[in-house]
Amino acid sequence: MRFIISTLALLALFGCATNSGIVDLGGGNFVYEKEDAMAYNGNSTKVEMLKESAAFCAKKGKQLVVLSSAAKAYTPYSFAGAEIQFSCK
């Protein structure tokens, strides 16, 4: 019984991570924000997001152009994560 309760609590905690997906800001600009409950360093999350964003642009027959990016490390009160703003040219 304790195992089941522990597992459910752990799953609830992991469900708190956010992923905005790629959001169109207009004017050909996009933003993508993601938190990862399993990451300690936001840079690994940022690299994963850059790959996904490059694939997004490639589907449009264009290349990724990063306008800005930021990464944050895990703290006791928030997950590691990253944000990138980009366009496809």
PDB file of N, CA and C in Angstrom:
ATOM      1  N   MET A   1       0.820  -1.190   0.000  1.00  0.00           N
ATOM      2  CA  MET A   1       0.000   0.000   0.000  1.00  0.00           C
ATOM      3  C   MET A   1       0.869   1.261   0.000  1.00  0.00           C
ATOM      4  N   ARG A   2       1.929   1.256   0.811  1.00  0.00           N
ATOM      5  CA  ARG A   2       2.825   2.408   0.834  1.00  0.00           C
ATOM      6  C   ARG A   2       3.468   2.627  -0.531  1.00  0.00           C
ATOM      7  N   PHE A   3       3.791   1.526  -1.208  1.00  0.00           N
ATOM      8  CA  PHE A   3       4.397   1.630  -2.530  1.00  0.00           C
ATOM      9  C   PHE A   3       3.453   2.320  -3.504  1.00  0.00           C
ATOM     10  N   ILE A   4       2.197   1.977  -3.458  1.00  0.00           N
ATOM     11  CA  ILE A   4       1.206   2.572  -4.356  1.00  0.00           C
ATOM     12  C   ILE A   4       1.062   4.064  -4.073  1.00  0.00           C
ATOM     13  N   ILE A   5       0.983   4.434  -2.806  1.00  0.00           N
ATOM     14  CA  ILE A   5       0.851   5.844  -2.443  1.00  0.00           C
ATOM     15  C   ILE A   5       2.099   6.617  -2.853  1.00  0.00           C
ATOM     16  N   SER A   6       3.270   6.045  -2.632  1.00  0.00           N
ATOM     17  CA  SER A   6       4.518   6.697  -3.026  1.00  0.00           C
ATOM     18  C   SER A   6       4.592   6.881  -4.534  1.00  0.00           C
ATOM     19  N   THR A   7       4.191   5.871  -5.264  1.00  0.00           N
ATOM     20  CA  THR A   7       4.206   5.939  -6.722  1.00  0.00           C
ATOM     21  C   THR A   7       3.249   7.010  -7.225  1.00  0.00           C
ATOM     22  N   LEU A   8       2.063   7.074  -6.676  1.00  0.00           N
ATOM     23  CA  LEU A   8       1.094   8.087  -7.086  1.00  0.00           C
ATOM     24  C   LEU A   8       1.590   9.499  -6.760  1.00  0.00           C
ATOM     25  N   ALA A   9       2.199   9.666  -5.603  1.00  0.00           N
ATOM     26  CA  ALA A   9       2.746  10.974  -5.236  1.00  0.00           C
ATOM     27  C   ALA A   9       3.868  11.382  -6.186  1.00  0.00           C
ATOM     28  N   LEU A  10       4.707  10.434  -6.555  1.00  0.00           N
ATOM     29  CA  LEU A  10       5.799  10.702  -7.480  1.00  0.00           C
ATOM     30  C   LEU A  10       5.266  11.071  -8.859  1.00  0.00           C
ATOM     31  N   LEU A  11       4.265  10.361  -9.331  1.00  0.00           N
ATOM     32  CA  LEU A  11       3.661  10.675 -10.627  1.00  0.00           C
ATOM     33  C   LEU A  11       3.008  12.052 -10.621  1.00  0.00           C
ATOM     34  N   ALA A  12       2.378  12.415  -9.533  1.00  0.00           N
ATOM     35  CA  ALA A  12       1.771  13.741  -9.418  1.00  0.00           C
ATOM     36  C   ALA A  12       2.836  14.825  -9.469  1.00  0.00           C
ATOM     37  N   LEU A  13       3.963  14.581  -8.829  1.00  0.00           N
ATOM     38  CA  LEU A  13       5.056  15.539  -8.850  1.00  0.00           C
ATOM     39  C   LEU A  13       5.594  15.716 -10.256  1.00  0.00           C
ATOM     40  N   PHE A  14       5.800  14.639 -10.983  1.00  0.00           N
ATOM     41  CA  PHE A  14       6.323  14.722 -12.343  1.00  0.00           C
ATOM     42  C   PHE A  14       5.316  15.358 -13.287  1.00  0.00           C
ATOM     43  N   GLY A  15       4.057  15.269 -12.980  1.00  0.00           N
ATOM     44  CA  GLY A  15       3.031  15.878 -13.813  1.00  0.00           C
ATOM     45  C   GLY A  15       3.023  17.392 -13.720  1.00  0.00           C
ATOM     46  N   CYS A  16       3.781  17.958 -12.786  1.00  0.00           N
ATOM     47  CA  CYS A  16       3.807  19.405 -12.603  1.00  0.00           C
ATOM     48  C   CYS A  16       4.747  20.111 -13.579  1.00  0.00           C
ATOM     49  N   ALA A  17       5.572  19.383 -14.288  1.00  0.00           N
ATOM     50  CA  ALA A  17       6.464  20.007 -15.259  1.00  0.00           C
ATOM     51  C   ALA A  17       5.634  20.589 -16.391  1.00  0.00           C
ATOM     52  N   THR A  18       6.101  21.712 -16.937  1.00  0.00           N
ATOM     53  CA  THR A  18       5.336  22.370 -17.991  1.00  0.00           C
ATOM     54  C   THR A  18       6.047  22.288 -19.320  1.00  0.00           C
ATOM     55  N   ASN A  19       5.271  22.327 -20.364  1.00  0.00           N
ATOM     56  CA  ASN A  19       5.778  22.348 -21.720  1.00  0.00           C
ATOM     57  C   ASN A  19       4.787  23.163 -22.537  1.00  0.00           C
ATOM     58  N   SER A  20       5.185  24.362 -22.927  1.00  0.00           N
ATOM     59  CA  SER A  20       4.281  25.232 -23.667  1.00  0.00           C
ATOM     60  C   SER A  20       4.062  24.748 -25.084  1.00  0.00           C
ATOM     61  N   GLY A  21       4.992  23.944 -25.587  1.00  0.00           N
ATOM     62  CA  GLY A  21       4.972  23.645 -27.006  1.00  0.00           C
ATOM     63  C   GLY A  21       5.462  24.877 -27.747  1.00  0.00           C
ATOM     64  N   ILE A  22       5.491  24.824 -29.042  1.00  0.00           N
ATOM     65  CA  ILE A  22       5.943  25.968 -29.832  1.00  0.00           C
ATOM     66  C   ILE A  22       4.756  26.895 -30.043  1.00  0.00           C
ATOM     67  N   VAL A  23       4.922  28.140 -29.591  1.00  0.00           N
ATOM     68  CA  VAL A  23       3.834  29.119 -29.635  1.00  0.00           C
ATOM     69  C   VAL A  23       4.190  30.210 -30.645  1.00  0.00           C
ATOM     70  N   ASP A  24       3.266  30.489 -31.557  1.00  0.00           N
ATOM     71  CA  ASP A  24       3.459  31.519 -32.569  1.00  0.00           C
ATOM     72  C   ASP A  24       3.254  32.896 -31.941  1.00  0.00           C
ATOM     73  N   LEU A  25       4.278  33.742 -32.008  1.00  0.00           N
ATOM     74  CA  LEU A  25       4.187  35.104 -31.473  1.00  0.00           C
ATOM     75  C   LEU A  25       3.744  36.105 -32.533  1.00  0.00           C
ATOM     76  N   GLY A  26       3.630  35.647 -33.768  1.00  0.00           N
ATOM     77  CA  GLY A  26       3.288  36.534 -34.875  1.00  0.00           C
ATOM     78  C   GLY A  26       4.546  37.083 -35.519  1.00  0.00           C
ATOM     79  N   GLY A  27       4.414  37.545 -36.733  1.00  0.00           N
ATOM     80  CA  GLY A  27       5.554  38.111 -37.439  1.00  0.00           C
ATOM     81  C   GLY A  27       6.643  37.102 -37.740  1.00  0.00           C
ATOM     82  N   GLY A  28       6.316  35.824 -37.738  1.00  0.00           N
ATOM     83  CA  GLY A  28       7.301  34.787 -38.019  1.00  0.00           C
ATOM     84  C   GLY A  28       8.172  34.417 -36.830  1.00  0.00           C
ATOM     85  N   ASN A  29       7.818  34.897 -35.639  1.00  0.00           N
ATOM     86  CA  ASN A  29       8.574  34.584 -34.425  1.00  0.00           C
ATOM     87  C   ASN A  29       7.819  33.581 -33.562  1.00  0.00           C
ATOM     88  N   PHE A  30       8.592  32.747 -32.876  1.00  0.00           N
ATOM     89  CA  PHE A  30       8.024  31.694 -32.041  1.00  0.00           C
ATOM     90  C   PHE A  30       8.726  31.672 -30.690  1.00  0.00           C
ATOM     91  N   VAL A  31       8.049  31.136 -29.687  1.00  0.00           N
ATOM     92  CA  VAL A  31       8.650  30.935 -28.374  1.00  0.00           C
ATOM     93  C   VAL A  31       8.344  29.502 -27.945  1.00  0.00           C
ATOM     94  N   TYR A  32       9.280  28.913 -27.217  1.00  0.00           N
ATOM     95  CA  TYR A  32       9.132  27.541 -26.736  1.00  0.00           C
ATOM     96  C   TYR A  32       9.701  27.499 -25.327  1.00  0.00           C
ATOM     97  N   GLU A  33       8.890  27.096 -24.372  1.00  0.00           N
ATOM     98  CA  GLU A  33       9.309  27.018 -22.974  1.00  0.00           C
ATOM     99  C   GLU A  33       9.040  25.616 -22.458  1.00  0.00           C
ATOM    100  N   LYS A  34       9.975  25.104 -21.673  1.00  0.00           N
ATOM    101  CA  LYS A  34       9.829  23.738 -21.179  1.00  0.00           C
ATOM    102  C   LYS A  34      10.545  23.583 -19.847  1.00  0.00           C
ATOM    103  N   GLU A  35       9.913  22.889 -18.921  1.00  0.00           N
ATOM    104  CA  GLU A  35      10.541  22.487 -17.669  1.00  0.00           C
ATOM    105  C   GLU A  35      10.617  20.974 -17.655  1.00  0.00           C
ATOM    106  N   ASP A  36      11.674  20.453 -17.064  1.00  0.00           N
ATOM    107  CA  ASP A  36      11.881  19.002 -17.042  1.00  0.00           C
ATOM    108  C   ASP A  36      12.131  18.553 -15.610  1.00  0.00           C
ATOM    109  N   ALA A  37      11.202  17.776 -15.065  1.00  0.00           N
ATOM    110  CA  ALA A  37      11.306  17.295 -13.694  1.00  0.00           C
ATOM    111  C   ALA A  37      12.470  16.319 -13.511  1.00  0.00           C
ATOM    112  N   MET A  38      12.945  15.736 -14.594  1.00  0.00           N
ATOM    113  CA  MET A  38      14.010  14.745 -14.498  1.00  0.00           C
ATOM    114  C   MET A  38      15.393  15.340 -14.752  1.00  0.00           C
ATOM    115  N   ALA A  39      15.463  16.616 -15.126  1.00  0.00           N
ATOM    116  CA  ALA A  39      16.756  17.236 -15.438  1.00  0.00           C
ATOM    117  C   ALA A  39      17.266  18.038 -14.256  1.00  0.00           C
ATOM    118  N   TYR A  40      18.578  18.116 -14.141  1.00  0.00           N
ATOM    119  CA  TYR A  40      19.210  18.926 -13.107  1.00  0.00           C
ATOM    120  C   TYR A  40      19.713  20.231 -13.706  1.00  0.00           C
ATOM    121  N   ASN A  41      20.084  20.157 -14.972  1.00  0.00           N
ATOM    122  CA  ASN A  41      20.670  21.287 -15.664  1.00  0.00           C
ATOM    123  C   ASN A  41      19.750  21.705 -16.804  1.00  0.00           C
ATOM    124  N   GLY A  42      19.388  22.961 -16.880  1.00  0.00           N
ATOM    125  CA  GLY A  42      18.497  23.444 -17.931  1.00  0.00           C
ATOM    126  C   GLY A  42      19.125  23.435 -19.309  1.00  0.00           C
ATOM    127  N   ASN A  43      20.457  23.388 -19.378  1.00  0.00           N
ATOM    128  CA  ASN A  43      21.112  23.382 -20.684  1.00  0.00           C
ATOM    129  C   ASN A  43      20.788  22.128 -21.484  1.00  0.00           C
ATOM    130  N   SER A  44      20.660  21.003 -20.837  1.00  0.00           N
ATOM    131  CA  SER A  44      20.302  19.776 -21.557  1.00  0.00           C
ATOM    132  C   SER A  44      18.884  19.890 -22.113  1.00  0.00           C
ATOM    133  N   THR A  45      18.008  20.533 -21.364  1.00  0.00           N
ATOM    134  CA  THR A  45      16.647  20.762 -21.838  1.00  0.00           C
ATOM    135  C   THR A  45      16.671  21.708 -23.035  1.00  0.00           C
ATOM    136  N   LYS A  46      17.515  22.736 -22.968  1.00  0.00           N
ATOM    137  CA  LYS A  46      17.608  23.708 -24.059  1.00  0.00           C
ATOM    138  C   LYS A  46      18.098  23.048 -25.343  1.00  0.00           C
ATOM    139  N   VAL A  47      19.083  22.176 -25.240  1.00  0.00           N
ATOM    140  CA  VAL A  47      19.597  21.479 -26.427  1.00  0.00           C
ATOM    141  C   VAL A  47      18.494  20.632 -27.059  1.00  0.00           C
ATOM    142  N   GLU A  48      17.733  19.935 -26.238  1.00  0.00           N
ATOM    143  CA  GLU A  48      16.616  19.120 -26.735  1.00  0.00           C
ATOM    144  C   GLU A  48      15.587  20.010 -27.449  1.00  0.00           C
ATOM    145  N   MET A  49      15.294  21.158 -26.865  1.00  0.00           N
ATOM    146  CA  MET A  49      14.329  22.082 -27.460  1.00  0.00           C
ATOM    147  C   MET A  49      14.836  22.663 -28.776  1.00  0.00           C
ATOM    148  N   LEU A  50      16.133  22.954 -28.848  1.00  0.00           N
ATOM    149  CA  LEU A  50      16.699  23.470 -30.089  1.00  0.00           C
ATOM    150  C   LEU A  50      16.577  22.450 -31.214  1.00  0.00           C
ATOM    151  N   LYS A  51      16.792  21.178 -30.888  1.00  0.00           N
ATOM    152  CA  LYS A  51      16.629  20.115 -31.893  1.00  0.00           C
ATOM    153  C   LYS A  51      15.180  20.050 -32.375  1.00  0.00           C
ATOM    154  N   GLU A  52      14.230  20.142 -31.432  1.00  0.00           N
ATOM    155  CA  GLU A  52      12.814  20.100 -31.796  1.00  0.00           C
ATOM    156  C   GLU A  52      12.427  21.317 -32.631  1.00  0.00           C
ATOM    157  N   SER A  53      12.957  22.474 -32.279  1.00  0.00           N
ATOM    158  CA  SER A  53      12.667  23.702 -33.016  1.00  0.00           C
ATOM    159  C   SER A  53      13.260  23.649 -34.420  1.00  0.00           C
ATOM    160  N   ALA A  54      14.458  23.097 -34.555  1.00  0.00           N
ATOM    161  CA  ALA A  54      15.082  22.947 -35.871  1.00  0.00           C
ATOM    162  C   ALA A  54      14.251  22.018 -36.745  1.00  0.00           C
ATOM    163  N   ALA A  55      13.713  20.953 -36.161  1.00  0.00           N
ATOM    164  CA  ALA A  55      12.856  20.034 -36.914  1.00  0.00           C
ATOM    165  C   ALA A  55      11.555  20.734 -37.324  1.00  0.00           C
ATOM    166  N   PHE A  56      11.031  21.579 -36.441  1.00  0.00           N
ATOM    167  CA  PHE A  56       9.823  22.356 -36.736  1.00  0.00           C
ATOM    168  C   PHE A  56      10.058  23.247 -37.956  1.00  0.00           C
ATOM    169  N   CYS A  57      11.194  23.941 -37.975  1.00  0.00           N
ATOM    170  CA  CYS A  57      11.521  24.812 -39.105  1.00  0.00           C
ATOM    171  C   CYS A  57      11.789  24.000 -40.372  1.00  0.00           C
ATOM    172  N   ALA A  58      12.444  22.863 -40.229  1.00  0.00           N
ATOM    173  CA  ALA A  58      12.751  22.021 -41.385  1.00  0.00           C
ATOM    174  C   ALA A  58      11.482  21.541 -42.070  1.00  0.00           C
ATOM    175  N   LYS A  59      10.428  21.279 -41.299  1.00  0.00           N
ATOM    176  CA  LYS A  59       9.143  20.874 -41.887  1.00  0.00           C
ATOM    177  C   LYS A  59       8.564  21.978 -42.754  1.00  0.00           C
ATOM    178  N   LYS A  60       8.936  23.215 -42.458  1.00  0.00           N
ATOM    179  CA  LYS A  60       8.485  24.358 -43.248  1.00  0.00           C
ATOM    180  C   LYS A  60       9.451  24.666 -44.393  1.00  0.00           C
ATOM    181  N   GLY A  61      10.525  23.852 -44.504  1.00  0.00           N
ATOM    182  CA  GLY A  61      11.527  24.072 -45.531  1.00  0.00           C
ATOM    183  C   GLY A  61      12.446  25.242 -45.212  1.00  0.00           C
ATOM    184  N   LYS A  62      12.588  25.568 -43.929  1.00  0.00           N
ATOM    185  CA  LYS A  62      13.400  26.712 -43.512  1.00  0.00           C
ATOM    186  C   LYS A  62      14.405  26.280 -42.455  1.00  0.00           C
ATOM    187  N   GLN A  63      15.274  27.224 -42.077  1.00  0.00           N
ATOM    188  CA  GLN A  63      16.278  26.950 -41.049  1.00  0.00           C
ATOM    189  C   GLN A  63      15.973  27.735 -39.786  1.00  0.00           C
ATOM    190  N   LEU A  64      16.365  27.165 -38.672  1.00  0.00           N
ATOM    191  CA  LEU A  64      16.182  27.774 -37.359  1.00  0.00           C
ATOM    192  C   LEU A  64      17.113  28.965 -37.180  1.00  0.00           C
ATOM    193  N   VAL A  65      16.555  30.082 -36.694  1.00  0.00           N
ATOM    194  CA  VAL A  65      17.346  31.254 -36.314  1.00  0.00           C
ATOM    195  C   VAL A  65      16.961  31.580 -34.875  1.00  0.00           C
ATOM    196  N   VAL A  66      17.896  31.409 -33.944  1.00  0.00           N
ATOM    197  CA  VAL A  66      17.624  31.650 -32.526  1.00  0.00           C
ATOM    198  C   VAL A  66      17.739  33.145 -32.253  1.00  0.00           C
ATOM    199  N   LEU A  67      16.669  33.718 -31.694  1.00  0.00           N
ATOM    200  CA  LEU A  67      16.657  35.136 -31.347  1.00  0.00           C
ATOM    201  C   LEU A  67      17.159  35.358 -29.923  1.00  0.00           C
ATOM    202  N   SER A  68      16.763  34.472 -29.012  1.00  0.00           N
ATOM    203  CA  SER A  68      17.252  34.517 -27.634  1.00  0.00           C
ATOM    204  C   SER A  68      17.025  33.158 -26.990  1.00  0.00           C
ATOM    205  N   SER A  69      17.792  32.894 -25.949  1.00  0.00           N
ATOM    206  CA  SER A  69      17.620  31.637 -25.220  1.00  0.00           C
ATOM    207  C   SER A  69      18.076  31.828 -23.788  1.00  0.00           C
ATOM    208  N   ALA A  70      17.473  31.051 -22.900  1.00  0.00           N
ATOM    209  CA  ALA A  70      17.836  31.085 -21.485  1.00  0.00           C
ATOM    210  C   ALA A  70      17.595  29.705 -20.897  1.00  0.00           C
ATOM    211  N   ALA A  71      18.409  29.350 -19.912  1.00  0.00           N
ATOM    212  CA  ALA A  71      18.257  28.073 -19.219  1.00  0.00           C
ATOM    213  C   ALA A  71      18.337  28.326 -17.729  1.00  0.00           C
ATOM    214  N   LYS A  72      17.597  27.544 -16.963  1.00  0.00           N
ATOM    215  CA  LYS A  72      17.659  27.662 -15.504  1.00  0.00           C
ATOM    216  C   LYS A  72      17.882  26.279 -14.914  1.00  0.00           C
ATOM    217  N   ALA A  73      18.685  26.237 -13.898  1.00  0.00           N
ATOM    218  CA  ALA A  73      19.008  24.979 -13.229  1.00  0.00           C
ATOM    219  C   ALA A  73      17.909  24.616 -12.227  1.00  0.00           C
ATOM    220  N   TYR A  74      17.905  23.378 -11.819  1.00  0.00           N
ATOM    221  CA  TYR A  74      16.973  22.895 -10.802  1.00  0.00           C
ATOM    222  C   TYR A  74      17.248  23.619  -9.485  1.00  0.00           C
ATOM    223  N   THR A  75      16.187  23.993  -8.804  1.00  0.00           N
ATOM    224  CA  THR A  75      16.275  24.494  -7.430  1.00  0.00           C
ATOM    225  C   THR A  75      15.249  23.724  -6.614  1.00  0.00           C
ATOM    226  N   PRO A  76      15.315  23.768  -5.309  1.00  0.00           N
ATOM    227  CA  PRO A  76      14.333  23.025  -4.512  1.00  0.00           C
ATOM    228  C   PRO A  76      12.878  23.440  -4.772  1.00  0.00           C
ATOM    229  N   TYR A  77      12.679  24.619  -5.349  1.00  0.00           N
ATOM    230  CA  TYR A  77      11.311  25.089  -5.557  1.00  0.00           C
ATOM    231  C   TYR A  77      10.889  25.165  -7.014  1.00  0.00           C
ATOM    232  N   SER A  78      11.767  24.793  -7.934  1.00  0.00           N
ATOM    233  CA  SER A  78      11.380  24.773  -9.348  1.00  0.00           C
ATOM    234  C   SER A  78      12.234  23.772 -10.115  1.00  0.00           C
ATOM    235  N   PHE A  79      11.670  23.277 -11.203  1.00  0.00           N
ATOM    236  CA  PHE A  79      12.363  22.320 -12.056  1.00  0.00           C
ATOM    237  C   PHE A  79      13.363  23.038 -12.953  1.00  0.00           C
ATOM    238  N   ALA A  80      14.313  22.290 -13.480  1.00  0.00           N
ATOM    239  CA  ALA A  80      15.217  22.826 -14.491  1.00  0.00           C
ATOM    240  C   ALA A  80      14.397  23.072 -15.753  1.00  0.00           C
ATOM    241  N   GLY A  81      14.801  24.058 -16.515  1.00  0.00           N
ATOM    242  CA  GLY A  81      14.043  24.349 -17.723  1.00  0.00           C
ATOM    243  C   GLY A  81      14.775  25.319 -18.627  1.00  0.00           C
ATOM    244  N   ALA A  82      14.102  25.667 -19.709  1.00  0.00           N
ATOM    245  CA  ALA A  82      14.691  26.576 -20.682  1.00  0.00           C
ATOM    246  C   ALA A  82      13.587  27.263 -21.466  1.00  0.00           C
ATOM    247  N   GLU A  83      13.983  28.357 -22.111  1.00  0.00           N
ATOM    248  CA  GLU A  83      13.088  29.088 -23.012  1.00  0.00           C
ATOM    249  C   GLU A  83      13.911  29.546 -24.204  1.00  0.00           C
ATOM    250  N   ILE A  84      13.348  29.396 -25.385  1.00  0.00           N
ATOM    251  CA  ILE A  84      13.998  29.925 -26.574  1.00  0.00           C
ATOM    252  C   ILE A  84      12.977  30.711 -27.395  1.00  0.00           C
ATOM    253  N   GLN A  85      13.441  31.769 -27.991  1.00  0.00           N
ATOM    254  CA  GLN A  85      12.657  32.523 -28.959  1.00  0.00           C
ATOM    255  C   GLN A  85      13.391  32.390 -30.283  1.00  0.00           C
ATOM    256  N   PHE A  86      12.635  32.096 -31.330  1.00  0.00           N
ATOM    257  CA  PHE A  86      13.281  31.829 -32.609  1.00  0.00           C
ATOM    258  C   PHE A  86      12.372  32.199 -33.763  1.00  0.00           C
ATOM    259  N   SER A  87      12.969  32.186 -34.946  1.00  0.00           N
ATOM    260  CA  SER A  87      12.200  32.336 -36.170  1.00  0.00           C
ATOM    261  C   SER A  87      12.712  31.294 -37.155  1.00  0.00           C
ATOM    262  N   CYS A  88      11.984  31.085 -38.198  1.00  0.00           N
ATOM    263  CA  CYS A  88      12.374  30.162 -39.259  1.00  0.00           C
ATOM    264  C   CYS A  88      12.617  30.984 -40.523  1.00  0.00           C
ATOM    265  N   LYS A  89      13.823  30.950 -41.037  1.00  0.00           N
ATOM    266  CA  LYS A  89      14.178  31.741 -42.243  1.00  0.00           C
ATOM    267  C   LYS A  89      14.571  30.823 -43.375  1.00  0.00           C
TER     268      LYS A  89
END
